[in-house]
Amino acid sequence: MAETRTTGGSTGDLPPVTPRDARTIAAMDGVQRVFVNPHRWWQNASFALPVLLALLSLGVGQVLGLAEATGFGLFMTVVSAIMIPVVLLTWRSTATAVVLTTHGAIALHLGAPLHTLAWRDLKRIEKVEYLGNTRYKLVHGEDDRFLTVETELQGASSLVEMAFALSGLPRQHPDEVI
């Protein structure tokens, strides 16, 4: 992790971001706030749970001499190995930071821009709940493209509030989004 730094256009210090994100953010103008995703690819439940089960089962199987536990541990090792490319592919499209500037929002993945939207193009902000997870969609453009704000981002609800404020987008309903 990079240490906290001040960027030329920011109003304060950067939260702990990856070194690549920090370099990209330092080159941006009008940075208002940076929202960080503190999670990494190996923390994905599709990978972490099989790995933990494999280690636990293999350990129990070896200590207690249970062939069934060892066999299950080997099976979970194979599942973990199969999940590595799947998790890495989905991780590549996950924002490690979202930067709000005076001009718009930029989602970064390890310093590379994933998605950019200009405040003038923002049409609406939607709150989407699915299976207990909440996401926000910043819908923009003529073809209703959207920048997804995962609740894994630290301060996701603050990001949405700032997006309303920076874009000047009026809320449709008093209880909209948050």
Protein backbone atom coordinates (compact mmCIF):
# COMPACT_ATOMS: atom_id res chain seq x y z
CA MET A 1 0.00 0.00 0.00
CA ALA A 2 1.12 3.51 -0.68
CA GLU A 3 1.47 6.03 2.08
CA THR A 4 -0.97 8.90 2.31
CA ARG A 5 -0.11 11.70 -0.11
CA THR A 6 -1.46 14.99 -1.28
CA THR A 7 -2.23 15.44 -4.97
CA GLY A 8 -2.05 18.66 -6.88
CA GLY A 9 -5.79 19.09 -7.40
CA SER A 10 -7.09 17.40 -4.27
CA THR A 11 -8.65 18.95 -1.24
CA GLY A 12 -6.73 16.74 1.17
CA ASP A 13 -4.66 13.64 1.60
CA LEU A 14 -5.22 10.43 -0.32
CA PRO A 15 -6.47 7.43 1.59
CA PRO A 16 -4.20 4.37 1.40
CA VAL A 17 -4.29 3.45 -2.29
CA THR A 18 -2.16 1.15 -4.41
CA PRO A 19 1.02 2.75 -5.77
CA ARG A 20 -0.34 2.56 -9.34
CA ASP A 21 -3.60 4.24 -8.32
CA ALA A 22 -1.63 6.92 -6.46
CA ARG A 23 0.44 7.75 -9.57
CA THR A 24 -2.67 8.02 -11.74
CA ILE A 25 -4.54 10.13 -9.18
CA ALA A 26 -1.55 12.46 -8.75
CA ALA A 27 -1.77 13.31 -12.47
CA MET A 28 -5.48 14.23 -12.29
CA ASP A 29 -6.88 17.76 -12.05
CA GLY A 30 -9.68 18.79 -9.74
CA VAL A 31 -9.62 15.74 -7.48
CA GLN A 32 -12.30 16.14 -4.81
CA ARG A 33 -12.20 12.78 -3.07
CA VAL A 34 -10.89 9.25 -3.54
CA PHE A 35 -12.87 6.19 -2.48
CA VAL A 36 -10.83 3.01 -2.02
CA ASN A 37 -11.72 -0.65 -2.34
CA PRO A 38 -9.56 -2.25 0.39
CA HIS A 39 -10.20 -5.80 -0.84
CA ARG A 40 -7.92 -7.84 -3.07
CA TRP A 41 -8.53 -10.75 -5.43
CA TRP A 42 -7.58 -13.45 -2.95
CA GLN A 43 -10.24 -12.21 -0.52
CA ASN A 44 -12.99 -13.24 -2.93
CA ALA A 45 -15.23 -15.83 -1.23
CA SER A 46 -15.24 -18.00 -4.37
CA PHE A 47 -11.52 -18.50 -3.83
CA ALA A 48 -10.93 -17.97 -0.11
CA LEU A 49 -13.55 -20.41 1.18
CA PRO A 50 -12.37 -23.40 -0.88
CA VAL A 51 -8.77 -22.67 0.13
CA LEU A 52 -9.70 -22.52 3.82
CA LEU A 53 -11.75 -25.73 3.54
CA ALA A 54 -8.88 -27.44 1.72
CA LEU A 55 -6.38 -26.47 4.41
CA LEU A 56 -8.73 -27.44 7.24
CA SER A 57 -9.70 -30.78 5.69
CA LEU A 58 -6.15 -31.71 4.76
CA GLY A 59 -4.99 -30.82 8.28
CA VAL A 60 -7.75 -32.84 9.96
CA GLY A 61 -7.19 -35.73 7.57
CA GLN A 62 -3.47 -35.87 8.29
CA VAL A 63 -3.72 -35.35 12.07
CA LEU A 64 -6.58 -37.78 12.64
CA GLY A 65 -5.73 -40.16 9.82
CA LEU A 66 -9.13 -39.76 8.15
CA ALA A 67 -9.00 -40.64 4.47
CA GLU A 68 -12.38 -38.96 3.87
CA ALA A 69 -11.14 -35.64 5.24
CA THR A 70 -7.95 -35.88 3.19
CA GLY A 71 -9.97 -36.72 0.07
CA PHE A 72 -12.28 -33.77 0.64
CA GLY A 73 -9.24 -31.55 1.19
CA LEU A 74 -7.78 -32.69 -2.14
CA PHE A 75 -11.12 -32.04 -3.84
CA MET A 76 -11.24 -28.53 -2.40
CA THR A 77 -7.65 -27.96 -3.55
CA VAL A 78 -8.76 -28.74 -7.12
CA VAL A 79 -11.79 -26.42 -6.73
CA SER A 80 -9.46 -23.66 -5.49
CA ALA A 81 -7.15 -24.14 -8.47
CA ILE A 82 -10.07 -23.98 -10.88
CA MET A 83 -11.37 -20.80 -9.25
CA ILE A 84 -8.09 -18.87 -9.57
CA PRO A 85 -8.53 -17.87 -13.25
CA VAL A 86 -12.25 -17.13 -12.73
CA VAL A 87 -11.55 -14.84 -9.78
CA LEU A 88 -8.63 -13.15 -11.55
CA LEU A 89 -10.77 -12.45 -14.63
CA THR A 90 -13.55 -10.88 -12.56
CA TRP A 91 -11.00 -8.97 -10.45
CA ARG A 92 -9.69 -7.23 -13.58
CA SER A 93 -13.04 -5.42 -13.89
CA THR A 94 -13.24 -4.44 -10.20
CA ALA A 95 -12.48 -0.85 -9.23
CA THR A 96 -9.63 -0.53 -6.74
CA ALA A 97 -10.47 3.17 -6.38
CA VAL A 98 -13.11 5.62 -7.58
CA VAL A 99 -11.99 9.21 -7.96
CA LEU A 100 -14.47 12.08 -7.92
CA THR A 101 -13.25 15.22 -9.63
CA THR A 102 -14.87 18.53 -10.41
CA HIS A 103 -15.47 17.20 -13.95
CA GLY A 104 -16.70 13.67 -13.28
CA ALA A 105 -15.98 10.25 -11.81
CA ILE A 106 -13.25 7.80 -12.79
CA ALA A 107 -13.14 4.17 -11.69
CA LEU A 108 -9.57 2.84 -11.57
CA HIS A 109 -8.20 -0.67 -11.43
CA LEU A 110 -4.58 -0.59 -10.28
CA GLY A 111 -4.02 2.75 -11.96
CA ALA A 112 -5.80 1.99 -15.24
CA PRO A 113 -9.10 3.76 -15.94
CA LEU A 114 -11.97 1.26 -16.12
CA HIS A 115 -14.83 3.69 -16.56
CA THR A 116 -15.15 7.44 -16.85
CA LEU A 117 -18.22 9.60 -16.67
CA ALA A 118 -18.66 13.34 -16.95
CA TRP A 119 -21.05 15.00 -14.50
CA ARG A 120 -22.86 16.72 -17.39
CA ASP A 121 -23.82 13.26 -18.76
CA LEU A 122 -25.15 11.82 -15.48
CA LYS A 123 -28.88 11.03 -15.85
CA ARG A 124 -29.73 9.29 -12.59
CA ILE A 125 -28.34 7.30 -9.69
CA GLU A 126 -29.97 3.96 -8.96
CA LYS A 127 -29.75 1.83 -5.85
CA VAL A 128 -29.81 -1.87 -6.71
CA GLU A 129 -30.19 -4.56 -4.07
CA TYR A 130 -29.61 -8.18 -5.01
CA LEU A 131 -29.27 -11.10 -2.61
CA GLY A 132 -28.36 -8.85 0.30
CA ASN A 133 -25.76 -6.83 -1.63
CA THR A 134 -26.32 -3.18 -2.43
CA ARG A 135 -24.83 -1.44 -5.45
CA TYR A 136 -25.28 1.97 -6.90
CA LYS A 137 -25.40 2.68 -10.62
CA LEU A 138 -24.40 6.09 -11.92
CA VAL A 139 -26.32 5.99 -15.21
CA HIS A 140 -25.06 8.24 -17.99
CA GLY A 141 -24.81 8.68 -21.74
CA GLU A 142 -27.27 8.20 -24.54
CA ASP A 143 -27.19 4.41 -24.31
CA ASP A 144 -27.65 4.35 -20.50
CA ARG A 145 -24.16 3.17 -19.67
CA PHE A 146 -23.40 3.08 -15.99
CA LEU A 147 -20.54 3.19 -13.54
CA THR A 148 -21.14 0.66 -10.78
CA VAL A 149 -20.32 1.63 -7.22
CA GLU A 150 -19.89 -1.48 -5.10
CA THR A 151 -20.50 -1.19 -1.39
CA GLU A 152 -17.04 -2.71 -0.94
CA LEU A 153 -15.72 0.79 -1.58
CA GLN A 154 -15.08 2.58 1.67
CA GLY A 155 -17.74 5.27 2.03
CA ALA A 156 -19.88 4.19 -0.93
CA SER A 157 -22.92 6.09 0.36
CA SER A 158 -20.76 9.22 0.75
CA LEU A 159 -19.62 8.75 -2.85
CA VAL A 160 -23.25 8.75 -3.98
CA GLU A 161 -24.01 11.88 -1.93
CA MET A 162 -20.98 13.64 -3.43
CA ALA A 163 -22.02 12.54 -6.93
CA PHE A 164 -25.40 14.25 -6.44
CA ALA A 165 -23.68 17.38 -5.12
CA LEU A 166 -20.94 17.59 -7.77
CA SER A 167 -23.23 16.81 -10.71
CA GLY A 168 -26.09 19.04 -9.62
CA LEU A 169 -28.43 16.14 -10.39
CA PRO A 170 -31.74 16.62 -8.57
CA ARG A 171 -33.18 13.71 -6.64
CA GLN A 172 -36.40 12.33 -8.12
CA HIS A 173 -37.78 11.35 -4.72
CA PRO A 174 -36.81 12.58 -1.23
CA ASP A 175 -35.70 9.07 -0.20
CA GLU A 176 -33.98 8.29 -3.49
CA VAL A 177 -30.89 6.11 -3.43
CA ILE A 178 -29.68 6.28 0.17
